[in-house]
Amino acid sequence: MADLQIIRIDDAKALVRVGVPDPERANPQEVRISVAMGLADPPDYVAHDRIGATLDYDRILHFIRDDLGAPAHLIETLADRIAGHCLALSERARWVEVTVKKPSVLSGDGMVSVLIRRER
């Protein structure tokens, strides 16, 4: 089995317009997004201690915070957009898992969330 590097981002916050009823999408809501991404064939990082040797996670964070696109009905749609973006960042990307949590849906404790996994 080939070596694999996993990059993780946990619970990044984003303000998005999401929800099934129109009034729910009227105002931005906070969602929390986690990404796990498997990259094949990592280099020897001792010899290649530069950002070009890996994936710049800031490109994922920027997309989550600033480029999620048009309002969506479903958090599944947001997760799918993020997964597509992540896989497009590197030919080394073998898979990505994206979790979107929406704290505002449930009254009291708990969160609604969805996890999507995409593979190359």
N, C-alpha and C. Protein backbone atom coordinates (compact mmCIF):
# COMPACT_ATOMS: atom_id res chain seq x y z
N MET A 1 0.85 -1.18 0.00
CA MET A 1 0.00 0.00 0.00
C MET A 1 0.89 1.24 0.00
N ALA A 2 0.56 2.21 -0.82
CA ALA A 2 1.33 3.44 -0.94
C ALA A 2 1.14 4.30 0.31
N ASP A 3 2.14 5.15 0.57
CA ASP A 3 2.03 6.09 1.68
C ASP A 3 0.89 7.07 1.41
N LEU A 4 0.29 7.54 2.48
CA LEU A 4 -0.82 8.48 2.37
C LEU A 4 -0.65 9.56 3.43
N GLN A 5 -0.88 10.78 3.05
CA GLN A 5 -0.88 11.92 3.95
C GLN A 5 -2.33 12.35 4.12
N ILE A 6 -2.75 12.62 5.33
CA ILE A 6 -4.11 13.10 5.56
C ILE A 6 -4.04 14.51 6.13
N ILE A 7 -4.71 15.42 5.45
CA ILE A 7 -4.83 16.80 5.91
C ILE A 7 -6.22 16.95 6.52
N ARG A 8 -6.29 17.58 7.68
CA ARG A 8 -7.57 17.78 8.37
C ARG A 8 -7.76 19.25 8.71
N ILE A 9 -8.97 19.69 8.58
CA ILE A 9 -9.43 20.98 9.09
C ILE A 9 -10.68 20.66 9.88
N ASP A 10 -10.73 21.10 11.12
CA ASP A 10 -11.86 20.76 11.98
C ASP A 10 -12.64 21.99 12.40
N ASP A 11 -13.94 21.95 12.16
CA ASP A 11 -14.91 22.94 12.64
C ASP A 11 -14.59 24.38 12.24
N ALA A 12 -14.19 24.58 10.99
CA ALA A 12 -14.04 25.95 10.47
C ALA A 12 -15.44 26.58 10.40
N LYS A 13 -15.54 27.83 10.81
CA LYS A 13 -16.83 28.51 10.83
C LYS A 13 -17.03 29.29 9.53
N ALA A 14 -18.27 29.26 9.04
CA ALA A 14 -18.64 30.03 7.86
C ALA A 14 -20.06 30.54 8.04
N LEU A 15 -20.32 31.71 7.48
CA LEU A 15 -21.68 32.25 7.46
C LEU A 15 -22.25 32.05 6.07
N VAL A 16 -23.36 31.32 6.00
CA VAL A 16 -23.95 30.98 4.70
C VAL A 16 -25.47 31.12 4.77
N ARG A 17 -26.05 31.26 3.61
CA ARG A 17 -27.51 31.25 3.50
C ARG A 17 -27.89 29.83 3.09
N VAL A 18 -28.49 29.10 4.03
CA VAL A 18 -28.85 27.71 3.77
C VAL A 18 -30.12 27.38 4.53
N GLY A 19 -30.97 26.56 3.92
CA GLY A 19 -32.18 26.12 4.57
C GLY A 19 -33.26 25.82 3.54
N VAL A 20 -34.19 24.98 3.92
CA VAL A 20 -35.25 24.59 2.99
C VAL A 20 -36.30 25.70 2.85
N PRO A 21 -36.87 26.21 3.94
CA PRO A 21 -37.85 27.29 3.76
C PRO A 21 -37.15 28.63 3.45
N ASP A 22 -37.81 29.44 2.64
CA ASP A 22 -37.25 30.74 2.25
C ASP A 22 -36.83 31.60 3.45
N PRO A 23 -37.66 31.71 4.50
CA PRO A 23 -37.27 32.55 5.63
C PRO A 23 -35.96 32.08 6.30
N GLU A 24 -35.69 30.79 6.27
CA GLU A 24 -34.45 30.26 6.87
C GLU A 24 -33.23 30.72 6.08
N ARG A 25 -33.38 30.86 4.76
CA ARG A 25 -32.27 31.30 3.92
C ARG A 25 -32.15 32.82 3.87
N ALA A 26 -33.08 33.53 4.46
CA ALA A 26 -33.10 35.00 4.37
C ALA A 26 -31.87 35.64 5.01
N ASN A 27 -31.37 35.06 6.08
CA ASN A 27 -30.21 35.61 6.78
C ASN A 27 -29.09 34.57 6.85
N PRO A 28 -27.85 35.02 6.79
CA PRO A 28 -26.73 34.07 6.92
C PRO A 28 -26.76 33.37 8.29
N GLN A 29 -26.41 32.10 8.27
CA GLN A 29 -26.33 31.28 9.48
C GLN A 29 -24.92 30.71 9.60
N GLU A 30 -24.50 30.49 10.81
CA GLU A 30 -23.19 29.87 11.01
C GLU A 30 -23.30 28.37 10.80
N VAL A 31 -22.38 27.84 10.03
CA VAL A 31 -22.19 26.40 9.91
C VAL A 31 -20.75 26.11 10.29
N ARG A 32 -20.49 24.88 10.66
CA ARG A 32 -19.13 24.45 10.99
C ARG A 32 -18.76 23.33 10.03
N ILE A 33 -17.58 23.47 9.46
CA ILE A 33 -17.18 22.57 8.38
C ILE A 33 -15.86 21.91 8.73
N SER A 34 -15.83 20.59 8.56
CA SER A 34 -14.61 19.82 8.75
C SER A 34 -14.27 19.11 7.46
N VAL A 35 -12.98 19.03 7.17
CA VAL A 35 -12.50 18.39 5.95
C VAL A 35 -11.37 17.44 6.33
N ALA A 36 -11.42 16.23 5.80
CA ALA A 36 -10.29 15.30 5.86
C ALA A 36 -9.99 14.91 4.42
N MET A 37 -8.71 15.00 4.06
CA MET A 37 -8.34 14.80 2.66
C MET A 37 -7.11 13.90 2.58
N GLY A 38 -7.20 12.83 1.81
CA GLY A 38 -6.09 11.90 1.66
C GLY A 38 -5.27 12.21 0.42
N LEU A 39 -3.97 12.45 0.61
CA LEU A 39 -3.05 12.74 -0.50
C LEU A 39 -2.08 11.59 -0.65
N ALA A 40 -1.97 11.06 -1.85
CA ALA A 40 -1.07 9.95 -2.12
C ALA A 40 0.37 10.44 -2.28
N ASP A 41 1.29 9.54 -2.07
CA ASP A 41 2.72 9.74 -2.34
C ASP A 41 3.32 10.99 -1.70
N PRO A 42 3.21 11.11 -0.38
CA PRO A 42 3.83 12.28 0.25
C PRO A 42 5.35 12.20 0.13
N PRO A 43 6.01 13.36 -0.04
CA PRO A 43 7.46 13.36 -0.14
C PRO A 43 8.12 13.19 1.23
N ASP A 44 9.41 13.10 1.24
CA ASP A 44 10.19 13.14 2.48
C ASP A 44 10.19 14.59 2.94
N TYR A 45 9.44 14.89 3.99
CA TYR A 45 9.29 16.28 4.42
C TYR A 45 10.55 16.85 5.06
N VAL A 46 11.45 16.01 5.51
CA VAL A 46 12.72 16.52 6.03
C VAL A 46 13.51 17.15 4.89
N ALA A 47 13.49 16.53 3.74
CA ALA A 47 14.22 17.04 2.58
C ALA A 47 13.42 18.12 1.83
N HIS A 48 12.10 18.12 1.99
CA HIS A 48 11.23 19.04 1.23
C HIS A 48 10.35 19.83 2.20
N ASP A 49 10.96 20.63 3.04
CA ASP A 49 10.24 21.39 4.07
C ASP A 49 9.73 22.72 3.49
N ARG A 50 8.82 22.62 2.52
CA ARG A 50 8.25 23.79 1.86
C ARG A 50 6.77 23.54 1.61
N ILE A 51 6.01 24.64 1.54
CA ILE A 51 4.57 24.52 1.33
C ILE A 51 4.25 23.83 0.00
N GLY A 52 5.12 23.96 -0.98
CA GLY A 52 4.90 23.31 -2.27
C GLY A 52 4.94 21.80 -2.21
N ALA A 53 5.46 21.25 -1.12
CA ALA A 53 5.54 19.80 -0.97
C ALA A 53 4.22 19.20 -0.48
N THR A 54 3.33 20.04 -0.03
CA THR A 54 2.05 19.57 0.50
C THR A 54 0.92 20.37 -0.12
N LEU A 55 -0.23 20.37 0.50
CA LEU A 55 -1.36 21.13 0.02
C LEU A 55 -1.57 22.31 0.97
N ASP A 56 -1.65 23.49 0.44
CA ASP A 56 -1.85 24.69 1.26
C ASP A 56 -3.30 24.70 1.75
N TYR A 57 -3.50 24.39 3.02
CA TYR A 57 -4.85 24.30 3.57
C TYR A 57 -5.57 25.65 3.57
N ASP A 58 -4.82 26.74 3.43
CA ASP A 58 -5.45 28.06 3.35
C ASP A 58 -6.36 28.16 2.12
N ARG A 59 -6.05 27.41 1.07
CA ARG A 59 -6.91 27.40 -0.13
C ARG A 59 -8.26 26.75 0.16
N ILE A 60 -8.28 25.82 1.09
CA ILE A 60 -9.54 25.20 1.51
C ILE A 60 -10.30 26.16 2.42
N LEU A 61 -9.61 26.75 3.38
CA LEU A 61 -10.24 27.68 4.32
C LEU A 61 -10.83 28.89 3.59
N HIS A 62 -10.11 29.42 2.63
CA HIS A 62 -10.61 30.57 1.86
C HIS A 62 -11.90 30.20 1.13
N PHE A 63 -11.93 29.02 0.52
CA PHE A 63 -13.14 28.58 -0.18
C PHE A 63 -14.31 28.46 0.79
N ILE A 64 -14.07 27.85 1.96
CA ILE A 64 -15.12 27.67 2.96
C ILE A 64 -15.66 29.02 3.42
N ARG A 65 -14.79 29.95 3.69
CA ARG A 65 -15.21 31.23 4.28
C ARG A 65 -15.73 32.24 3.25
N ASP A 66 -15.23 32.16 2.01
CA ASP A 66 -15.52 33.24 1.06
C ASP A 66 -16.15 32.82 -0.26
N ASP A 67 -16.10 31.55 -0.64
CA ASP A 67 -16.48 31.17 -2.00
C ASP A 67 -17.47 30.01 -2.08
N LEU A 68 -18.33 29.84 -1.10
CA LEU A 68 -19.26 28.71 -1.14
C LEU A 68 -20.37 28.87 -2.17
N GLY A 69 -20.50 30.06 -2.73
CA GLY A 69 -21.44 30.23 -3.83
C GLY A 69 -22.82 30.65 -3.39
N ALA A 70 -23.77 30.40 -4.26
CA ALA A 70 -25.16 30.84 -4.08
C ALA A 70 -25.79 30.18 -2.86
N PRO A 71 -26.82 30.79 -2.32
CA PRO A 71 -27.56 30.14 -1.23
C PRO A 71 -27.98 28.73 -1.63
N ALA A 72 -28.06 27.86 -0.64
CA ALA A 72 -28.41 26.46 -0.90
C ALA A 72 -29.58 26.06 -0.01
N HIS A 73 -30.35 25.10 -0.47
CA HIS A 73 -31.41 24.54 0.36
C HIS A 73 -30.83 23.56 1.37
N LEU A 74 -29.82 22.80 0.95
CA LEU A 74 -29.33 21.67 1.75
C LEU A 74 -27.88 21.86 2.17
N ILE A 75 -27.56 21.40 3.39
CA ILE A 75 -26.15 21.39 3.79
C ILE A 75 -25.39 20.35 2.97
N GLU A 76 -26.08 19.39 2.43
CA GLU A 76 -25.45 18.41 1.54
C GLU A 76 -24.86 19.10 0.31
N THR A 77 -25.55 20.12 -0.19
CA THR A 77 -25.07 20.88 -1.35
C THR A 77 -23.77 21.60 -1.01
N LEU A 78 -23.70 22.20 0.18
CA LEU A 78 -22.47 22.86 0.60
C LEU A 78 -21.32 21.86 0.71
N ALA A 79 -21.59 20.71 1.30
CA ALA A 79 -20.56 19.68 1.44
C ALA A 79 -20.06 19.21 0.08
N ASP A 80 -20.97 19.05 -0.87
CA ASP A 80 -20.58 18.60 -2.20
C ASP A 80 -19.72 19.65 -2.92
N ARG A 81 -20.06 20.93 -2.76
CA ARG A 81 -19.25 22.00 -3.36
C ARG A 81 -17.82 21.98 -2.80
N ILE A 82 -17.71 21.82 -1.50
CA ILE A 82 -16.40 21.81 -0.85
C ILE A 82 -15.60 20.59 -1.29
N ALA A 83 -16.24 19.44 -1.36
CA ALA A 83 -15.55 18.22 -1.78
C ALA A 83 -15.00 18.37 -3.19
N GLY A 84 -15.79 18.92 -4.10
CA GLY A 84 -15.32 19.13 -5.47
C GLY A 84 -14.14 20.07 -5.52
N HIS A 85 -14.20 21.15 -4.74
CA HIS A 85 -13.09 22.10 -4.69
C HIS A 85 -11.82 21.41 -4.19
N CYS A 86 -11.93 20.65 -3.13
CA CYS A 86 -10.76 20.00 -2.54
C CYS A 86 -10.12 19.00 -3.51
N LEU A 87 -10.91 18.20 -4.18
CA LEU A 87 -10.35 17.23 -5.12
C LEU A 87 -9.67 17.92 -6.30
N ALA A 88 -10.13 19.11 -6.65
CA ALA A 88 -9.54 19.83 -7.77
C ALA A 88 -8.21 20.50 -7.41
N LEU A 89 -7.88 20.57 -6.13
CA LEU A 89 -6.66 21.27 -5.70
C LEU A 89 -5.37 20.53 -6.01
N SER A 90 -5.43 19.20 -6.11
CA SER A 90 -4.20 18.44 -6.29
C SER A 90 -4.46 17.11 -6.98
N GLU A 91 -3.59 16.76 -7.89
CA GLU A 91 -3.67 15.44 -8.52
C GLU A 91 -3.38 14.33 -7.52
N ARG A 92 -2.70 14.66 -6.43
CA ARG A 92 -2.39 13.68 -5.39
C ARG A 92 -3.61 13.34 -4.53
N ALA A 93 -4.66 14.15 -4.61
CA ALA A 93 -5.85 13.92 -3.79
C ALA A 93 -6.53 12.62 -4.22
N ARG A 94 -6.69 11.71 -3.28
CA ARG A 94 -7.34 10.42 -3.56
C ARG A 94 -8.77 10.40 -3.07
N TRP A 95 -9.03 11.06 -1.95
CA TRP A 95 -10.38 11.12 -1.40
C TRP A 95 -10.50 12.34 -0.50
N VAL A 96 -11.75 12.73 -0.26
CA VAL A 96 -12.04 13.82 0.66
C VAL A 96 -13.33 13.48 1.40
N GLU A 97 -13.35 13.80 2.67
CA GLU A 97 -14.56 13.72 3.47
C GLU A 97 -14.87 15.12 3.99
N VAL A 98 -16.10 15.55 3.81
CA VAL A 98 -16.52 16.88 4.26
C VAL A 98 -17.73 16.71 5.17
N THR A 99 -17.64 17.29 6.35
CA THR A 99 -18.76 17.30 7.29
C THR A 99 -19.23 18.75 7.44
N VAL A 100 -20.52 18.96 7.29
CA VAL A 100 -21.11 20.28 7.53
C VAL A 100 -22.09 20.12 8.68
N LYS A 101 -21.88 20.92 9.73
CA LYS A 101 -22.75 20.93 10.90
C LYS A 101 -23.54 22.23 10.91
N LYS A 102 -24.81 22.12 11.25
CA LYS A 102 -25.68 23.30 11.28
C LYS A 102 -26.29 23.39 12.69
N PRO A 103 -25.66 24.19 13.55
CA PRO A 103 -26.10 24.25 14.95
C PRO A 103 -27.49 24.83 15.15
N SER A 104 -27.96 25.68 14.24
CA SER A 104 -29.20 26.43 14.48
C SER A 104 -30.48 25.62 14.27
N VAL A 105 -30.39 24.42 13.75
CA VAL A 105 -31.61 23.68 13.40
C VAL A 105 -32.33 23.13 14.63
N LEU A 106 -31.59 22.56 15.54
CA LEU A 106 -32.22 21.93 16.71
C LEU A 106 -32.31 22.91 17.86
N SER A 107 -33.43 22.91 18.55
CA SER A 107 -33.51 23.71 19.77
C SER A 107 -32.89 22.89 20.90
N GLY A 108 -32.13 23.55 21.73
CA GLY A 108 -31.46 22.84 22.81
C GLY A 108 -30.13 22.28 22.34
N ASP A 109 -29.75 21.16 22.90
CA ASP A 109 -28.46 20.55 22.58
C ASP A 109 -28.51 19.81 21.25
N GLY A 110 -27.33 19.67 20.65
CA GLY A 110 -27.20 18.88 19.45
C GLY A 110 -27.08 19.72 18.19
N MET A 111 -26.64 19.07 17.12
CA MET A 111 -26.48 19.70 15.81
C MET A 111 -26.88 18.72 14.74
N VAL A 112 -27.42 19.25 13.68
CA VAL A 112 -27.66 18.45 12.48
C VAL A 112 -26.38 18.51 11.67
N SER A 113 -25.98 17.38 11.09
CA SER A 113 -24.78 17.38 10.25
C SER A 113 -24.92 16.37 9.13
N VAL A 114 -24.07 16.55 8.13
CA VAL A 114 -23.99 15.61 7.02
C VAL A 114 -22.52 15.39 6.71
N LEU A 115 -22.16 14.18 6.35
CA LEU A 115 -20.81 13.84 5.92
C LEU A 115 -20.89 13.28 4.51
N ILE A 116 -20.08 13.85 3.62
CA ILE A 116 -20.00 13.36 2.23
C ILE A 116 -18.58 12.93 1.98
N ARG A 117 -18.40 11.78 1.36
CA ARG A 117 -17.08 11.30 0.96
C ARG A 117 -17.06 11.16 -0.55
N ARG A 118 -16.03 11.76 -1.16
CA ARG A 118 -15.84 11.64 -2.60
C ARG A 118 -14.45 11.06 -2.85
N GLU A 119 -14.36 10.19 -3.83
CA GLU A 119 -13.09 9.58 -4.19
C GLU A 119 -12.78 9.86 -5.65
N ARG A 120 -11.53 9.91 -5.95
CA ARG A 120 -11.09 10.12 -7.31
C ARG A 120 -11.20 8.83 -8.09
